[in-house]
Amino acid sequence: MTLRPVDTGPPDRLYTVTGGRSRSEDSFDLVTLVVSESRPTTGMQSEHARILELCRHPTAVVEVAAELSLPVTVVRILLDDLHTAGRITARHPRAANSPAALAESDLLMEVLHGLRRL
């Protein structure tokens, strides 16, 4: 069994897609939800246009990467371009501030039991 490399595209293609950049300014988490705020326009980079089409409904960054068959690092750069231009909004996941903000174990057990009954 042979392993496929992580980067699915030729390095020169990925370099071209990102304009030679290797990092994004914004920190898009894998589960950050992205939503399009506009439609693709004529002359737009094809990857940007595809992202706007994919994200008409909230879509996680990891899903965008999978749909485009691009590494997450490349998708983050593309998302940063669109975010800077105001063409997308991002809903970053919220971390619990304290243990008190987390759901109680009793509630979680009830949910688990309810799911098992389905």
Protein backbone atom coordinates (compact mmCIF):
# COMPACT_ATOMS: atom_id res chain seq x y z
CA MET A 1 0.00 0.00 0.00
CA THR A 2 1.43 3.38 -0.97
CA LEU A 3 0.75 6.55 0.96
CA ARG A 4 -0.39 9.66 -0.86
CA PRO A 5 1.34 12.94 -0.04
CA VAL A 6 -0.63 15.52 1.93
CA ASP A 7 -0.43 18.16 -0.82
CA THR A 8 -2.55 16.82 -3.64
CA GLY A 9 -1.57 19.41 -6.22
CA PRO A 10 1.76 20.08 -7.85
CA PRO A 11 3.84 22.54 -5.79
CA ASP A 12 3.88 25.09 -8.61
CA ARG A 13 0.06 25.06 -8.75
CA LEU A 14 -0.24 25.59 -4.99
CA TYR A 15 2.32 28.41 -5.21
CA THR A 16 0.26 30.05 -7.94
CA VAL A 17 -3.06 29.59 -6.11
CA THR A 18 -1.72 31.34 -3.00
CA GLY A 19 0.31 33.97 -4.82
CA GLY A 20 3.46 32.60 -3.19
CA ARG A 21 2.17 33.12 0.35
CA SER A 22 2.60 30.41 2.94
CA ARG A 23 0.55 31.82 5.84
CA SER A 24 -2.74 33.58 6.35
CA GLU A 25 -3.21 36.63 8.55
CA ASP A 26 -6.40 35.29 10.14
CA SER A 27 -6.43 32.10 12.18
CA PHE A 28 -9.12 29.93 10.64
CA ASP A 29 -9.64 26.87 12.82
CA LEU A 30 -10.61 23.62 11.11
CA VAL A 31 -14.14 23.92 12.47
CA THR A 32 -14.59 27.65 11.81
CA LEU A 33 -17.82 28.12 9.90
CA VAL A 34 -17.55 30.23 6.77
CA VAL A 35 -20.49 31.96 5.07
CA SER A 36 -20.46 33.78 1.71
CA GLU A 37 -21.55 37.40 1.76
CA SER A 38 -21.52 37.81 -2.03
CA ARG A 39 -21.64 35.90 -5.29
CA PRO A 40 -18.59 35.17 -7.44
CA THR A 41 -17.73 37.86 -9.97
CA THR A 42 -16.29 37.69 -13.47
CA GLY A 43 -12.51 37.44 -13.49
CA MET A 44 -12.30 36.14 -9.94
CA GLN A 45 -9.75 33.42 -9.17
CA SER A 46 -11.52 30.09 -9.69
CA GLU A 47 -10.74 28.82 -6.18
CA HIS A 48 -12.20 31.98 -4.63
CA ALA A 49 -15.32 31.61 -6.76
CA ARG A 50 -15.70 27.96 -5.77
CA ILE A 51 -15.40 28.87 -2.07
CA LEU A 52 -18.13 31.49 -2.41
CA GLU A 53 -20.39 28.91 -4.06
CA LEU A 54 -19.63 26.24 -1.44
CA CYS A 55 -20.22 28.58 1.48
CA ARG A 56 -23.69 29.85 0.62
CA HIS A 57 -24.62 27.98 3.80
CA PRO A 58 -22.29 27.76 6.82
CA THR A 59 -19.45 25.40 5.92
CA ALA A 60 -16.47 24.33 8.05
CA VAL A 61 -12.97 25.13 6.82
CA VAL A 62 -12.10 21.43 6.73
CA GLU A 63 -15.11 20.76 4.48
CA VAL A 64 -14.03 23.51 2.09
CA ALA A 65 -10.54 21.98 1.91
CA ALA A 66 -12.00 18.55 1.20
CA GLU A 67 -14.33 19.84 -1.52
CA LEU A 68 -11.53 21.76 -3.23
CA SER A 69 -9.03 18.90 -2.78
CA LEU A 70 -6.52 21.42 -1.44
CA PRO A 71 -4.42 21.40 1.73
CA VAL A 72 -5.99 23.26 4.66
CA THR A 73 -3.04 25.68 4.75
CA VAL A 74 -3.81 26.77 1.18
CA VAL A 75 -7.54 27.08 1.90
CA ARG A 76 -6.80 29.26 4.94
CA ILE A 77 -4.87 31.67 2.71
CA LEU A 78 -7.72 31.79 0.19
CA LEU A 79 -10.25 32.35 2.98
CA ASP A 80 -8.11 35.16 4.36
CA ASP A 81 -8.22 36.86 0.94
CA LEU A 82 -12.01 36.63 0.85
CA HIS A 83 -12.37 37.70 4.48
CA THR A 84 -10.17 40.75 3.96
CA ALA A 85 -12.27 41.70 0.92
CA GLY A 86 -15.48 41.35 2.97
CA ARG A 87 -16.77 38.56 0.75
CA ILE A 88 -17.14 36.02 3.59
CA THR A 89 -17.81 36.05 7.30
CA ALA A 90 -16.31 33.57 9.72
CA ARG A 91 -17.83 32.17 12.89
CA HIS A 92 -14.96 30.98 15.02
CA PRO A 93 -15.66 28.25 17.61
CA ARG A 94 -16.05 29.49 21.15
CA ALA A 95 -14.01 27.83 23.85
CA ALA A 96 -15.51 27.30 27.28
CA ASN A 97 -14.32 30.00 29.64
CA SER A 98 -14.38 27.85 32.75
CA PRO A 99 -15.41 24.38 33.89
CA ALA A 100 -18.63 25.95 35.17
CA ALA A 101 -19.52 26.87 31.58
CA LEU A 102 -19.40 23.22 30.49
CA ALA A 103 -22.49 21.02 30.51
CA GLU A 104 -22.97 18.94 33.63
CA SER A 105 -22.18 15.25 33.39
CA ASP A 106 -25.74 14.34 34.42
CA LEU A 107 -27.14 16.25 31.46
CA LEU A 108 -24.63 14.59 29.14
CA MET A 109 -25.62 11.17 30.46
CA GLU A 110 -29.30 11.94 29.82
CA VAL A 111 -28.49 12.97 26.26
CA LEU A 112 -26.47 9.76 25.77
CA HIS A 113 -29.35 7.63 27.08
CA GLY A 114 -31.79 9.49 24.83
CA LEU A 115 -29.62 8.90 21.79
CA ARG A 116 -29.33 5.22 22.57
CA ARG A 117 -33.12 4.95 22.73
CA LEU A 118 -33.40 6.30 19.18
